[in-house]
Every structure is written in structure tokens, then in C-alpha cells.
Amino acid sequence: IGDEPEFPYERPPLSKDYLAGEKTFERILLRPGNFWTDQA
């Protein structure tokens, strides 16, 4: 159960690469979206 609507993602880049526009959100996901279904 997660209180955010997004798939789990890395937080450290939020104040670094993501804020700077050097990484897209997809690049900071901990796993691709289909991973969670594939792993039941």
C-alpha cells in the first residue's frame, strides 16, 4: 500500500538529477511498472 499514485521510485534524485531536469521520472523508478505484476 503506497500513499502516492506513482510506482515506487528513488527519492535521492529528487533534489539532484530530477530537479535539474537531467533524469526523467521513468529513469528513477525502482522497477519498471510491469515488474510488480510479473512478481505477483
Full PDB file with SEQRES, HELIX, SHEET, SSBOND, CRYST1, ORIGX, SCALE, CONECT and MASTER records, all heavy atoms in Angstrom:
SEQRES   1 A   40  ILE GLY ASP GLU PRO GLU PHE PRO TYR GLU ARG PRO PRO          
SEQRES   2 A   40  LEU SER LYS ASP TYR LEU ALA GLY GLU LYS THR PHE GLU          
SEQRES   3 A   40  ARG ILE LEU LEU ARG PRO GLY ASN PHE TRP THR ASP GLN          
SEQRES   4 A   40  ALA                                                          
HELIX    1 AA1 PRO A   12  SER A   15  5                                   4    
HELIX    2 AA2 PHE A   25  ILE A   28  5                                   4    
HELIX    3 AA3 GLY A   33  ASP A   38  1                                   6    
CRYST1    1.000    1.000    1.000  90.00  90.00  90.00 P 1           1          
ORIGX1      1.000000  0.000000  0.000000        0.00000                         
ORIGX2      0.000000  1.000000  0.000000        0.00000                         
ORIGX3      0.000000  0.000000  1.000000        0.00000                         
SCALE1      1.000000  0.000000  0.000000        0.00000                         
SCALE2      0.000000  1.000000  0.000000        0.00000                         
SCALE3      0.000000  0.000000  1.000000        0.00000                         
ATOM      1  N   ILE A   1       0.854  -1.188   0.000  1.00  0.00           N  
ATOM      2  CA  ILE A   1       0.000   0.000   0.000  1.00  0.00           C  
ATOM      3  C   ILE A   1       0.889   1.238   0.000  1.00  0.00           C  
ATOM      4  O   ILE A   1       1.731   1.398   0.878  1.00  0.00           O  
ATOM      5  CB  ILE A   1      -0.908   0.026   1.246  1.00  0.00           C  
ATOM      6  CG1 ILE A   1      -1.754  -1.244   1.334  1.00  0.00           C  
ATOM      7  CG2 ILE A   1      -1.798   1.263   1.242  1.00  0.00           C  
ATOM      8  CD1 ILE A   1      -2.512  -1.385   2.642  1.00  0.00           C  
ATOM      9  N   GLY A   2       0.716   2.108  -0.979  1.00  0.00           N  
ATOM     10  CA  GLY A   2       1.506   3.333  -1.062  1.00  0.00           C  
ATOM     11  C   GLY A   2       0.611   4.549  -1.163  1.00  0.00           C  
ATOM     12  O   GLY A   2      -0.409   4.513  -1.874  1.00  0.00           O  
ATOM     13  N   ASP A   3       0.961   5.631  -0.469  1.00  0.00           N  
ATOM     14  CA  ASP A   3       0.071   6.790  -0.467  1.00  0.00           C  
ATOM     15  C   ASP A   3       0.260   7.696  -1.687  1.00  0.00           C  
ATOM     16  O   ASP A   3      -0.518   8.609  -1.901  1.00  0.00           O  
ATOM     17  CB  ASP A   3       0.201   7.596   0.830  1.00  0.00           C  
ATOM     18  CG  ASP A   3       1.591   8.183   1.025  1.00  0.00           C  
ATOM     19  OD1 ASP A   3       2.473   7.927   0.190  1.00  0.00           O  
ATOM     20  OD2 ASP A   3       1.782   8.900   2.027  1.00  0.00           O  
ATOM     21  N   GLU A   4       1.294   7.457  -2.487  1.00  0.00           N  
ATOM     22  CA  GLU A   4       1.465   8.222  -3.723  1.00  0.00           C  
ATOM     23  C   GLU A   4       0.896   7.427  -4.897  1.00  0.00           C  
ATOM     24  O   GLU A   4       0.858   6.195  -4.864  1.00  0.00           O  
ATOM     25  CB  GLU A   4       2.940   8.534  -3.955  1.00  0.00           C  
ATOM     26  CG  GLU A   4       3.541   9.454  -2.901  1.00  0.00           C  
ATOM     27  CD  GLU A   4       4.989   9.808  -3.206  1.00  0.00           C  
ATOM     28  OE1 GLU A   4       5.233  10.409  -4.281  1.00  0.00           O  
ATOM     29  OE2 GLU A   4       5.869   9.466  -2.399  1.00  0.00           O  
ATOM     30  N   PRO A   5       0.480   8.113  -5.968  1.00  0.00           N  
ATOM     31  CA  PRO A   5      -0.117   7.395  -7.101  1.00  0.00           C  
ATOM     32  C   PRO A   5       0.898   6.716  -8.005  1.00  0.00           C  
ATOM     33  O   PRO A   5       0.540   5.877  -8.821  1.00  0.00           O  
ATOM     34  CB  PRO A   5      -0.860   8.503  -7.861  1.00  0.00           C  
ATOM     35  CG  PRO A   5      -0.118   9.761  -7.527  1.00  0.00           C  
ATOM     36  CD  PRO A   5       0.349   9.575  -6.105  1.00  0.00           C  
ATOM     37  N   GLU A   6       2.190   7.042  -7.846  1.00  0.00           N  
ATOM     38  CA  GLU A   6       3.211   6.512  -8.738  1.00  0.00           C  
ATOM     39  C   GLU A   6       3.732   5.154  -8.277  1.00  0.00           C  
ATOM     40  O   GLU A   6       3.648   4.804  -7.108  1.00  0.00           O  
ATOM     41  CB  GLU A   6       4.409   7.474  -8.829  1.00  0.00           C  
ATOM     42  CG  GLU A   6       4.105   8.790  -9.502  1.00  0.00           C  
ATOM     43  CD  GLU A   6       3.594   9.836  -8.529  1.00  0.00           C  
ATOM     44  OE1 GLU A   6       3.522   9.545  -7.319  1.00  0.00           O  
ATOM     45  OE2 GLU A   6       3.258  10.946  -8.971  1.00  0.00           O  
ATOM     46  N   PHE A   7       4.308   4.422  -9.241  1.00  0.00           N  
ATOM     47  CA  PHE A   7       5.057   3.229  -8.880  1.00  0.00           C  
ATOM     48  C   PHE A   7       6.235   3.645  -7.989  1.00  0.00           C  
ATOM     49  O   PHE A   7       6.720   4.780  -8.071  1.00  0.00           O  
ATOM     50  CB  PHE A   7       5.596   2.542 -10.133  1.00  0.00           C  
ATOM     51  CG  PHE A   7       4.536   1.885 -10.989  1.00  0.00           C  
ATOM     52  CD1 PHE A   7       4.322   2.297 -12.299  1.00  0.00           C  
ATOM     53  CD2 PHE A   7       3.764   0.846 -10.482  1.00  0.00           C  
ATOM     54  CE1 PHE A   7       3.358   1.714 -13.086  1.00  0.00           C  
ATOM     55  CE2 PHE A   7       2.790   0.242 -11.266  1.00  0.00           C  
ATOM     56  CZ  PHE A   7       2.579   0.675 -12.574  1.00  0.00           C  
ATOM     57  N   PRO A   8       6.731   2.763  -7.127  1.00  0.00           N  
ATOM     58  CA  PRO A   8       7.854   3.114  -6.248  1.00  0.00           C  
ATOM     59  C   PRO A   8       9.050   3.651  -7.036  1.00  0.00           C  
ATOM     60  O   PRO A   8       9.414   3.109  -8.082  1.00  0.00           O  
ATOM     61  CB  PRO A   8       8.173   1.786  -5.559  1.00  0.00           C  
ATOM     62  CG  PRO A   8       6.860   1.058  -5.522  1.00  0.00           C  
ATOM     63  CD  PRO A   8       6.205   1.414  -6.829  1.00  0.00           C  
ATOM     64  N   TYR A   9       9.646   4.713  -6.489  1.00  0.00           N  
ATOM     65  CA  TYR A   9      10.758   5.372  -7.182  1.00  0.00           C  
ATOM     66  C   TYR A   9      11.825   5.802  -6.193  1.00  0.00           C  
ATOM     67  O   TYR A   9      11.611   5.826  -4.981  1.00  0.00           O  
ATOM     68  CB  TYR A   9      10.241   6.578  -7.976  1.00  0.00           C  
ATOM     69  CG  TYR A   9       9.573   7.647  -7.138  1.00  0.00           C  
ATOM     70  CD1 TYR A   9      10.299   8.700  -6.576  1.00  0.00           C  
ATOM     71  CD2 TYR A   9       8.193   7.612  -6.899  1.00  0.00           C  
ATOM     72  CE1 TYR A   9       9.686   9.677  -5.816  1.00  0.00           C  
ATOM     73  CE2 TYR A   9       7.570   8.586  -6.140  1.00  0.00           C  
ATOM     74  CZ  TYR A   9       8.318   9.617  -5.601  1.00  0.00           C  
ATOM     75  OH  TYR A   9       7.706  10.588  -4.833  1.00  0.00           O  
ATOM     76  N   GLU A  10      13.005   6.140  -6.737  1.00  0.00           N  
ATOM     77  CA  GLU A  10      14.115   6.613  -5.913  1.00  0.00           C  
ATOM     78  C   GLU A  10      13.851   8.041  -5.447  1.00  0.00           C  
ATOM     79  O   GLU A  10      13.429   8.886  -6.236  1.00  0.00           O  
ATOM     80  CB  GLU A  10      15.412   6.606  -6.725  1.00  0.00           C  
ATOM     81  CG  GLU A  10      15.859   5.262  -7.240  1.00  0.00           C  
ATOM     82  CD  GLU A  10      17.130   5.411  -8.052  1.00  0.00           C  
ATOM     83  OE1 GLU A  10      18.160   5.790  -7.470  1.00  0.00           O  
ATOM     84  OE2 GLU A  10      17.083   5.172  -9.270  1.00  0.00           O  
ATOM     85  N   ARG A  11      14.144   8.314  -4.182  1.00  0.00           N  
ATOM     86  CA  ARG A  11      13.964   9.683  -3.686  1.00  0.00           C  
ATOM     87  C   ARG A  11      15.214  10.558  -3.774  1.00  0.00           C  
ATOM     88  O   ARG A  11      15.095  11.758  -3.999  1.00  0.00           O  
ATOM     89  CB  ARG A  11      13.447   9.662  -2.247  1.00  0.00           C  
ATOM     90  CG  ARG A  11      12.042   9.088  -2.136  1.00  0.00           C  
ATOM     91  CD  ARG A  11      11.382   9.384  -0.814  1.00  0.00           C  
ATOM     92  NE  ARG A  11      10.133   8.657  -0.695  1.00  0.00           N  
ATOM     93  CZ  ARG A  11       8.969   9.058  -1.196  1.00  0.00           C  
ATOM     94  NH1 ARG A  11       8.897  10.203  -1.844  1.00  0.00           N  
ATOM     95  NH2 ARG A  11       7.879   8.339  -1.045  1.00  0.00           N  
ATOM     96  N   PRO A  12      16.429  10.022  -3.573  1.00  0.00           N  
ATOM     97  CA  PRO A  12      17.595  10.908  -3.617  1.00  0.00           C  
ATOM     98  C   PRO A  12      17.705  11.781  -4.868  1.00  0.00           C  
ATOM     99  O   PRO A  12      18.093  12.957  -4.768  1.00  0.00           O  
ATOM    100  CB  PRO A  12      18.773   9.931  -3.492  1.00  0.00           C  
ATOM    101  CG  PRO A  12      18.225   8.815  -2.668  1.00  0.00           C  
ATOM    102  CD  PRO A  12      16.807   8.653  -3.153  1.00  0.00           C  
ATOM    103  N   PRO A  13      17.338  11.290  -6.066  1.00  0.00           N  
ATOM    104  CA  PRO A  13      17.472  12.160  -7.243  1.00  0.00           C  
ATOM    105  C   PRO A  13      16.512  13.353  -7.253  1.00  0.00           C  
ATOM    106  O   PRO A  13      16.704  14.272  -8.065  1.00  0.00           O  
ATOM    107  CB  PRO A  13      17.160  11.216  -8.418  1.00  0.00           C  
ATOM    108  CG  PRO A  13      17.424   9.840  -7.901  1.00  0.00           C  
ATOM    109  CD  PRO A  13      17.024   9.903  -6.459  1.00  0.00           C  
ATOM    110  N   LEU A  14      15.503  13.344  -6.394  1.00  0.00           N  
ATOM    111  CA  LEU A  14      14.529  14.443  -6.422  1.00  0.00           C  
ATOM    112  C   LEU A  14      15.201  15.797  -6.239  1.00  0.00           C  
ATOM    113  O   LEU A  14      14.844  16.774  -6.901  1.00  0.00           O  
ATOM    114  CB  LEU A  14      13.457  14.243  -5.340  1.00  0.00           C  
ATOM    115  CG  LEU A  14      12.494  13.073  -5.546  1.00  0.00           C  
ATOM    116  CD1 LEU A  14      11.536  12.967  -4.357  1.00  0.00           C  
ATOM    117  CD2 LEU A  14      11.701  13.229  -6.844  1.00  0.00           C  
ATOM    118  N   SER A  15      16.170  15.870  -5.331  1.00  0.00           N  
ATOM    119  CA  SER A  15      16.843  17.148  -5.069  1.00  0.00           C  
ATOM    120  C   SER A  15      18.090  17.320  -5.914  1.00  0.00           C  
ATOM    121  O   SER A  15      18.823  18.297  -5.746  1.00  0.00           O  
ATOM    122  CB  SER A  15      17.210  17.257  -3.586  1.00  0.00           C  
ATOM    123  OG  SER A  15      18.034  16.166  -3.187  1.00  0.00           O  
ATOM    124  N   LYS A  16      18.339  16.381  -6.820  1.00  0.00           N  
ATOM    125  CA  LYS A  16      19.556  16.416  -7.646  1.00  0.00           C  
ATOM    126  C   LYS A  16      19.179  16.329  -9.120  1.00  0.00           C  
ATOM    127  O   LYS A  16      18.735  17.305  -9.717  1.00  0.00           O  
ATOM    128  CB  LYS A  16      20.492  15.272  -7.244  1.00  0.00           C  
ATOM    129  CG  LYS A  16      20.821  15.178  -5.747  1.00  0.00           C  
ATOM    130  CD  LYS A  16      21.734  13.993  -5.486  1.00  0.00           C  
ATOM    131  CE  LYS A  16      21.971  13.711  -4.014  1.00  0.00           C  
ATOM    132  NZ  LYS A  16      20.801  13.110  -3.328  1.00  0.00           N  
ATOM    133  N   ASP A  17      19.352  15.143  -9.711  1.00  0.00           N  
ATOM    134  CA  ASP A  17      19.184  14.961 -11.149  1.00  0.00           C  
ATOM    135  C   ASP A  17      17.777  15.269 -11.636  1.00  0.00           C  
ATOM    136  O   ASP A  17      17.598  15.830 -12.725  1.00  0.00           O  
ATOM    137  CB  ASP A  17      19.522  13.517 -11.550  1.00  0.00           C  
ATOM    138  CG  ASP A  17      20.810  13.008 -10.948  1.00  0.00           C  
ATOM    139  OD1 ASP A  17      20.857  12.878  -9.709  1.00  0.00           O  
ATOM    140  OD2 ASP A  17      21.756  12.727 -11.696  1.00  0.00           O  
ATOM    141  N   TYR A  18      16.752  14.873 -10.864  1.00  0.00           N  
ATOM    142  CA  TYR A  18      15.377  15.081 -11.319  1.00  0.00           C  
ATOM    143  C   TYR A  18      15.024  16.563 -11.316  1.00  0.00           C  
ATOM    144  O   TYR A  18      14.465  17.086 -12.297  1.00  0.00           O  
ATOM    145  CB  TYR A  18      14.417  14.285 -10.432  1.00  0.00           C  
ATOM    146  CG  TYR A  18      12.982  14.329 -10.919  1.00  0.00           C  
ATOM    147  CD1 TYR A  18      12.627  13.726 -12.118  1.00  0.00           C  
ATOM    148  CD2 TYR A  18      11.989  14.960 -10.179  1.00  0.00           C  
ATOM    149  CE1 TYR A  18      11.313  13.768 -12.578  1.00  0.00           C  
ATOM    150  CE2 TYR A  18      10.676  15.003 -10.623  1.00  0.00           C  
ATOM    151  CZ  TYR A  18      10.340  14.399 -11.825  1.00  0.00           C  
ATOM    152  OH  TYR A  18       9.047  14.439 -12.282  1.00  0.00           O  
ATOM    153  N   LEU A  19      15.343  17.260 -10.233  1.00  0.00           N  
ATOM    154  CA  LEU A  19      15.088  18.692 -10.165  1.00  0.00           C  
ATOM    155  C   LEU A  19      15.849  19.431 -11.260  1.00  0.00           C  
ATOM    156  O   LEU A  19      15.342  20.384 -11.854  1.00  0.00           O  
ATOM    157  CB  LEU A  19      15.479  19.240  -8.792  1.00  0.00           C  
ATOM    158  CG  LEU A  19      15.384  20.755  -8.586  1.00  0.00           C  
ATOM    159  CD1 LEU A  19      13.957  21.251  -8.839  1.00  0.00           C  
ATOM    160  CD2 LEU A  19      15.831  21.132  -7.174  1.00  0.00           C  
ATOM    161  N   ALA A  20      17.055  18.970 -11.554  1.00  0.00           N  
ATOM    162  CA  ALA A  20      17.880  19.619 -12.578  1.00  0.00           C  
ATOM    163  C   ALA A  20      17.401  19.309 -13.990  1.00  0.00           C  
ATOM    164  O   ALA A  20      17.898  19.898 -14.954  1.00  0.00           O  
ATOM    165  CB  ALA A  20      19.334  19.195 -12.415  1.00  0.00           C  
ATOM    166  N   GLY A  21      16.459  18.376 -14.124  1.00  0.00           N  
ATOM    167  CA  GLY A  21      15.984  18.000 -15.449  1.00  0.00           C  
ATOM    168  C   GLY A  21      16.913  17.054 -16.172  1.00  0.00           C  
ATOM    169  O   GLY A  21      16.779  16.828 -17.379  1.00  0.00           O  
ATOM    170  N   GLU A  22      17.863  16.460 -15.453  1.00  0.00           N  
ATOM    171  CA  GLU A  22      18.846  15.578 -16.070  1.00  0.00           C  
ATOM    172  C   GLU A  22      18.369  14.126 -16.114  1.00  0.00           C  
ATOM    173  O   GLU A  22      18.956  13.308 -16.821  1.00  0.00           O  
ATOM    174  CB  GLU A  22      20.171  15.670 -15.309  1.00  0.00           C  
ATOM    175  CG  GLU A  22      20.808  17.057 -15.383  1.00  0.00           C  
ATOM    176  CD  GLU A  22      21.993  17.219 -14.450  1.00  0.00           C  
ATOM    177  OE1 GLU A  22      22.286  16.251 -13.696  1.00  0.00           O  
ATOM    178  OE2 GLU A  22      22.611  18.296 -14.457  1.00  0.00           O  
ATOM    179  N   LYS A  23      17.340  13.797 -15.346  1.00  0.00           N  
ATOM    180  CA  LYS A  23      16.753  12.464 -15.376  1.00  0.00           C  
ATOM    181  C   LYS A  23      15.240  12.590 -15.450  1.00  0.00           C  
ATOM    182  O   LYS A  23      14.644  13.396 -14.727  1.00  0.00           O  
ATOM    183  CB  LYS A  23      17.135  11.655 -14.122  1.00  0.00           C  
ATOM    184  CG  LYS A  23      18.513  11.037 -14.144  1.00  0.00           C  
ATOM    185  CD  LYS A  23      18.711  10.101 -12.962  1.00  0.00           C  
ATOM    186  CE  LYS A  23      20.074   9.419 -13.009  1.00  0.00           C  
ATOM    187  NZ  LYS A  23      20.268   8.496 -11.854  1.00  0.00           N  
ATOM    188  N   THR A  24      14.630  11.781 -16.320  1.00  0.00           N  
ATOM    189  CA  THR A  24      13.174  11.728 -16.368  1.00  0.00           C  
ATOM    190  C   THR A  24      12.662  10.885 -15.200  1.00  0.00           C  
ATOM    191  O   THR A  24      13.425  10.143 -14.571  1.00  0.00           O  
ATOM    192  CB  THR A  24      12.706  11.089 -17.679  1.00  0.00           C  
ATOM    193  OG1 THR A  24      13.185   9.727 -17.725  1.00  0.00           O  
ATOM    194  CG2 THR A  24      13.237  11.866 -18.887  1.00  0.00           C  
ATOM    195  N   PHE A  25      11.368  10.976 -14.940  1.00  0.00           N  
ATOM    196  CA  PHE A  25      10.810  10.195 -13.841  1.00  0.00           C  
ATOM    197  C   PHE A  25      10.965   8.698 -14.100  1.00  0.00           C  
ATOM    198  O   PHE A  25      11.245   7.925 -13.171  1.00  0.00           O  
ATOM    199  CB  PHE A  25       9.338  10.536 -13.633  1.00  0.00           C  
ATOM    200  CG  PHE A  25       8.727   9.802 -12.470  1.00  0.00           C  
ATOM    201  CD1 PHE A  25       9.082  10.124 -11.171  1.00  0.00           C  
ATOM    202  CD2 PHE A  25       7.839   8.756 -12.681  1.00  0.00           C  
ATOM    203  CE1 PHE A  25       8.544   9.433 -10.092  1.00  0.00           C  
ATOM    204  CE2 PHE A  25       7.294   8.064 -11.607  1.00  0.00           C  
ATOM    205  CZ  PHE A  25       7.647   8.404 -10.316  1.00  0.00           C  
ATOM    206  N   GLU A  26      10.817   8.288 -15.359  1.00  0.00           N  
ATOM    207  CA  GLU A  26      10.933   6.866 -15.681  1.00  0.00           C  
ATOM    208  C   GLU A  26      12.309   6.325 -15.310  1.00  0.00           C  
ATOM    209  O   GLU A  26      12.441   5.151 -14.942  1.00  0.00           O  
ATOM    210  CB  GLU A  26      10.666   6.647 -17.177  1.00  0.00           C  
ATOM    211  CG  GLU A  26       9.207   6.804 -17.587  1.00  0.00           C  
ATOM    212  CD  GLU A  26       8.701   8.235 -17.463  1.00  0.00           C  
ATOM    213  OE1 GLU A  26       9.527   9.176 -17.623  1.00  0.00           O  
ATOM    214  OE2 GLU A  26       7.493   8.403 -17.187  1.00  0.00           O  
ATOM    215  N   ARG A  27      13.311   7.167 -15.376  1.00  0.00           N  
ATOM    216  CA  ARG A  27      14.676   6.700 -15.070  1.00  0.00           C  
ATOM    217  C   ARG A  27      14.925   6.566 -13.571  1.00  0.00           C  
ATOM    218  O   ARG A  27      15.950   5.987 -13.184  1.00  0.00           O  
ATOM    219  CB  ARG A  27      15.700   7.660 -15.680  1.00  0.00           C  
ATOM    220  CG  ARG A  27      15.811   7.558 -17.195  1.00  0.00           C  
ATOM    221  CD  ARG A  27      16.905   8.473 -17.709  1.00  0.00           C  
ATOM    222  NE  ARG A  27      18.217   8.104 -17.162  1.00  0.00           N  
ATOM    223  CZ  ARG A  27      19.285   8.906 -17.199  1.00  0.00           C  
ATOM    224  NH1 ARG A  27      19.181  10.116 -17.730  1.00  0.00           N  
ATOM    225  NH2 ARG A  27      20.437   8.510 -16.689  1.00  0.00           N  
ATOM    226  N   ILE A  28      14.043   7.089 -12.730  1.00  0.00           N  
ATOM    227  CA  ILE A  28      14.255   6.937 -11.292  1.00  0.00           C  
ATOM    228  C   ILE A  28      13.280   5.942 -10.657  1.00  0.00           C  
ATOM    229  O   ILE A  28      13.242   5.796  -9.443  1.00  0.00           O  
ATOM    230  CB  ILE A  28      14.220   8.291 -10.546  1.00  0.00           C  
ATOM    231  CG1 ILE A  28      12.823   8.908 -10.570  1.00  0.00           C  
ATOM    232  CG2 ILE A  28      15.241   9.259 -11.122  1.00  0.00           C  
ATOM    233  CD1 ILE A  28      12.710  10.149  -9.676  1.00  0.00           C  
ATOM    234  N   LEU A  29      12.489   5.264 -11.502  1.00  0.00           N  
ATOM    235  CA  LEU A  29      11.648   4.193 -10.970  1.00  0.00           C  
ATOM    236  C   LEU A  29      12.534   3.079 -10.427  1.00  0.00           C  
ATOM    237  O   LEU A  29      13.545   2.715 -11.031  1.00  0.00           O  
ATOM    238  CB  LEU A  29      10.737   3.627 -12.064  1.00  0.00           C  
ATOM    239  CG  LEU A  29       9.582   4.510 -12.534  1.00  0.00           C  
ATOM    240  CD1 LEU A  29       8.897   3.872 -13.741  1.00  0.00           C  
ATOM    241  CD2 LEU A  29       8.577   4.741 -11.411  1.00  0.00           C  
ATOM    242  N   LEU A  30      12.148   2.515  -9.287  1.00  0.00           N  
ATOM    243  CA  LEU A  30      12.922   1.417  -8.715  1.00  0.00           C  
ATOM    244  C   LEU A  30      12.825   0.163  -9.572  1.00  0.00           C  
ATOM    245  O   LEU A  30      13.777  -0.619  -9.658  1.00  0.00           O  
ATOM    246  CB  LEU A  30      12.451   1.130  -7.291  1.00  0.00           C  
ATOM    247  CG  LEU A  30      12.879   2.181  -6.248  1.00  0.00           C  
ATOM    248  CD1 LEU A  30      12.119   1.989  -4.951  1.00  0.00           C  
ATOM    249  CD2 LEU A  30      14.380   2.091  -5.998  1.00  0.00           C  
ATOM    250  N   ARG A  31      11.680  -0.049 -10.178  1.00  0.00           N  
ATOM    251  CA  ARG A  31      11.475  -1.150 -11.117  1.00  0.00           C  
ATOM    252  C   ARG A  31      10.461  -0.682 -12.175  1.00  0.00           C  
ATOM    253  O   ARG A  31       9.612   0.152 -11.888  1.00  0.00           O  
ATOM    254  CB  ARG A  31      10.930  -2.402 -10.413  1.00  0.00           C  
ATOM    255  CG  ARG A  31      11.904  -3.091  -9.472  1.00  0.00           C  
ATOM    256  CD  ARG A  31      13.050  -3.746 -10.224  1.00  0.00           C  
ATOM    257  NE  ARG A  31      13.872  -4.590  -9.360  1.00  0.00           N  
ATOM    258  CZ  ARG A  31      14.843  -4.171  -8.564  1.00  0.00           C  
ATOM    259  NH1 ARG A  31      15.106  -2.859  -8.504  1.00  0.00           N  
ATOM    260  NH2 ARG A  31      15.556  -5.012  -7.838  1.00  0.00           N  
ATOM    261  N   PRO A  32      10.521  -1.227 -13.384  1.00  0.00           N  
ATOM    262  CA  PRO A  32       9.501  -0.892 -14.384  1.00  0.00           C  
ATOM    263  C   PRO A  32       8.112  -1.280 -13.892  1.00  0.00           C  
ATOM    264  O   PRO A  32       7.962  -2.176 -13.053  1.00  0.00           O  
ATOM    265  CB  PRO A  32       9.912  -1.742 -15.605  1.00  0.00           C  
ATOM    266  CG  PRO A  32      11.348  -2.096 -15.375  1.00  0.00           C  
ATOM    267  CD  PRO A  32      11.523  -2.178 -13.889  1.00  0.00           C  
ATOM    268  N   GLY A  33       7.113  -0.630 -14.430  1.00  0.00           N  
ATOM    269  CA  GLY A  33       5.752  -0.864 -13.958  1.00  0.00           C  
ATOM    270  C   GLY A  33       5.303  -2.308 -14.038  1.00  0.00           C  
ATOM    271  O   GLY A  33       4.596  -2.802 -13.134  1.00  0.00           O  
ATOM    272  N   ASN A  34       5.707  -3.046 -15.085  1.00  0.00           N  
ATOM    273  CA  ASN A  34       5.242  -4.422 -15.239  1.00  0.00           C  
ATOM    274  C   ASN A  34       5.913  -5.391 -14.272  1.00  0.00           C  
ATOM    275  O   ASN A  34       5.468  -6.528 -14.104  1.00  0.00           O  
ATOM    276  CB  ASN A  34       5.440  -4.889 -16.680  1.00  0.00           C  
ATOM    277  CG  ASN A  34       6.895  -4.859 -17.118  1.00  0.00           C  
ATOM    278  OD1 ASN A  34       7.775  -4.433 -16.353  1.00  0.00           O  
ATOM    279  ND2 ASN A  34       7.162  -5.307 -18.341  1.00  0.00           N  
ATOM    280  N   PHE A  35       6.998  -4.945 -13.618  1.00  0.00           N  
ATOM    281  CA  PHE A  35       7.701  -5.824 -12.676  1.00  0.00           C  
ATOM    282  C   PHE A  35       6.771  -6.299 -11.581  1.00  0.00           C  
ATOM    283  O   PHE A  35       6.784  -7.480 -11.200  1.00  0.00           O  
ATOM    284  CB  PHE A  35       8.883  -5.069 -12.058  1.00  0.00           C  
ATOM    285  CG  PHE A  35       9.501  -5.752 -10.866  1.00  0.00           C  
ATOM    286  CD1 PHE A  35      10.487  -6.707 -11.032  1.00  0.00           C  
ATOM    287  CD2 PHE A  35       9.093  -5.441  -9.560  1.00  0.00           C  
ATOM    288  CE1 PHE A  35      11.054  -7.348  -9.936  1.00  0.00           C  
ATOM    289  CE2 PHE A  35       9.655  -6.072  -8.463  1.00  0.00           C  
ATOM    290  CZ  PHE A  35      10.629  -7.025  -8.658  1.00  0.00           C  
ATOM    291  N   TRP A  36       5.958  -5.395 -11.043  1.00  0.00           N  
ATOM    292  CA  TRP A  36       5.145  -5.716  -9.874  1.00  0.00           C  
ATOM    293  C   TRP A  36       4.097  -6.781 -10.199  1.00  0.00           C  
ATOM    294  O   TRP A  36       3.875  -7.710  -9.412  1.00  0.00           O  
ATOM    295  CB  TRP A  36       4.501  -4.436  -9.336  1.00  0.00           C  
ATOM    296  CG  TRP A  36       5.538  -3.376  -9.109  1.00  0.00           C  
ATOM    297  CD1 TRP A  36       5.843  -2.312  -9.922  1.00  0.00           C  
ATOM    298  CD2 TRP A  36       6.468  -3.310  -8.017  1.00  0.00           C  
ATOM    299  NE1 TRP A  36       6.890  -1.597  -9.409  1.00  0.00           N  
ATOM    300  CE2 TRP A  36       7.288  -2.172  -8.248  1.00  0.00           C  
ATOM    301  CE3 TRP A  36       6.677  -4.081  -6.872  1.00  0.00           C  
ATOM    302  CZ2 TRP A  36       8.309  -1.807  -7.367  1.00  0.00           C  
ATOM    303  CZ3 TRP A  36       7.688  -3.718  -5.992  1.00  0.00           C  
ATOM    304  CH2 TRP A  36       8.486  -2.602  -6.250  1.00  0.00           C  
ATOM    305  N   THR A  37       3.496  -6.672 -11.376  1.00  0.00           N  
ATOM    306  CA  THR A  37       2.533  -7.690 -11.795  1.00  0.00           C  
ATOM    307  C   THR A  37       3.231  -9.015 -12.055  1.00  0.00           C  
ATOM    308  O   THR A  37       2.754 -10.082 -11.637  1.00  0.00           O  
ATOM    309  CB  THR A  37       1.807  -7.222 -13.067  1.00  0.00           C  
ATOM    310  OG1 THR A  37       1.150  -5.982 -12.806  1.00  0.00           O  
ATOM    311  CG2 THR A  37       0.776  -8.253 -13.507  1.00  0.00           C  
ATOM    312  N   ASP A  38       4.364  -8.938 -12.754  1.00  0.00           N  
ATOM    313  CA  ASP A  38       5.102 -10.162 -13.078  1.00  0.00           C  
ATOM    314  C   ASP A  38       5.520 -10.917 -11.821  1.00  0.00           C  
ATOM    315  O   ASP A  38       5.595 -12.154 -11.830  1.00  0.00           O  
ATOM    316  CB  ASP A  38       6.354  -9.826 -13.899  1.00  0.00           C  
ATOM    317  CG  ASP A  38       6.028  -9.291 -15.286  1.00  0.00           C  
ATOM    318  OD1 ASP A  38       4.869  -9.438 -15.713  1.00  0.00           O  
ATOM    319  OD2 ASP A  38       6.931  -8.706 -15.922  1.00  0.00           O  
ATOM    320  N   GLN A  39       5.810 -10.192 -10.733  1.00  0.00           N  
ATOM    321  CA  GLN A  39       6.253 -10.810  -9.492  1.00  0.00           C  
ATOM    322  C   GLN A  39       5.108 -11.107  -8.516  1.00  0.00           C  
ATOM    323  O   GLN A  39       5.348 -11.459  -7.361  1.00  0.00           O  
ATOM    324  CB  GLN A  39       7.288  -9.912  -8.802  1.00  0.00           C  
ATOM    325  CG  GLN A  39       8.579  -9.752  -9.587  1.00  0.00           C  
ATOM    326  CD  GLN A  39       9.313 -11.076  -9.728  1.00  0.00           C  
ATOM    327  OE1 GLN A  39       9.463 -11.825  -8.762  1.00  0.00           O  
ATOM    328  NE2 GLN A  39       9.768 -11.371 -10.940  1.00  0.00           N  
ATOM    329  N   ALA A  40       3.881 -10.946  -8.992  1.00  0.00           N  
ATOM    330  CA  ALA A  40       2.692 -11.198  -8.156  1.00  0.00           C  
ATOM    331  C   ALA A  40       2.728 -10.385  -6.869  1.00  0.00           C  
ATOM    332  O   ALA A  40       2.455 -10.890  -5.773  1.00  0.00           O  
ATOM    333  CB  ALA A  40       2.562 -12.694  -7.854  1.00  0.00           C  
TER     334      ALA A  40                                                      
MASTER        0    0    0    3    0    0    0    6  333    1    0    4          
END                                                                             
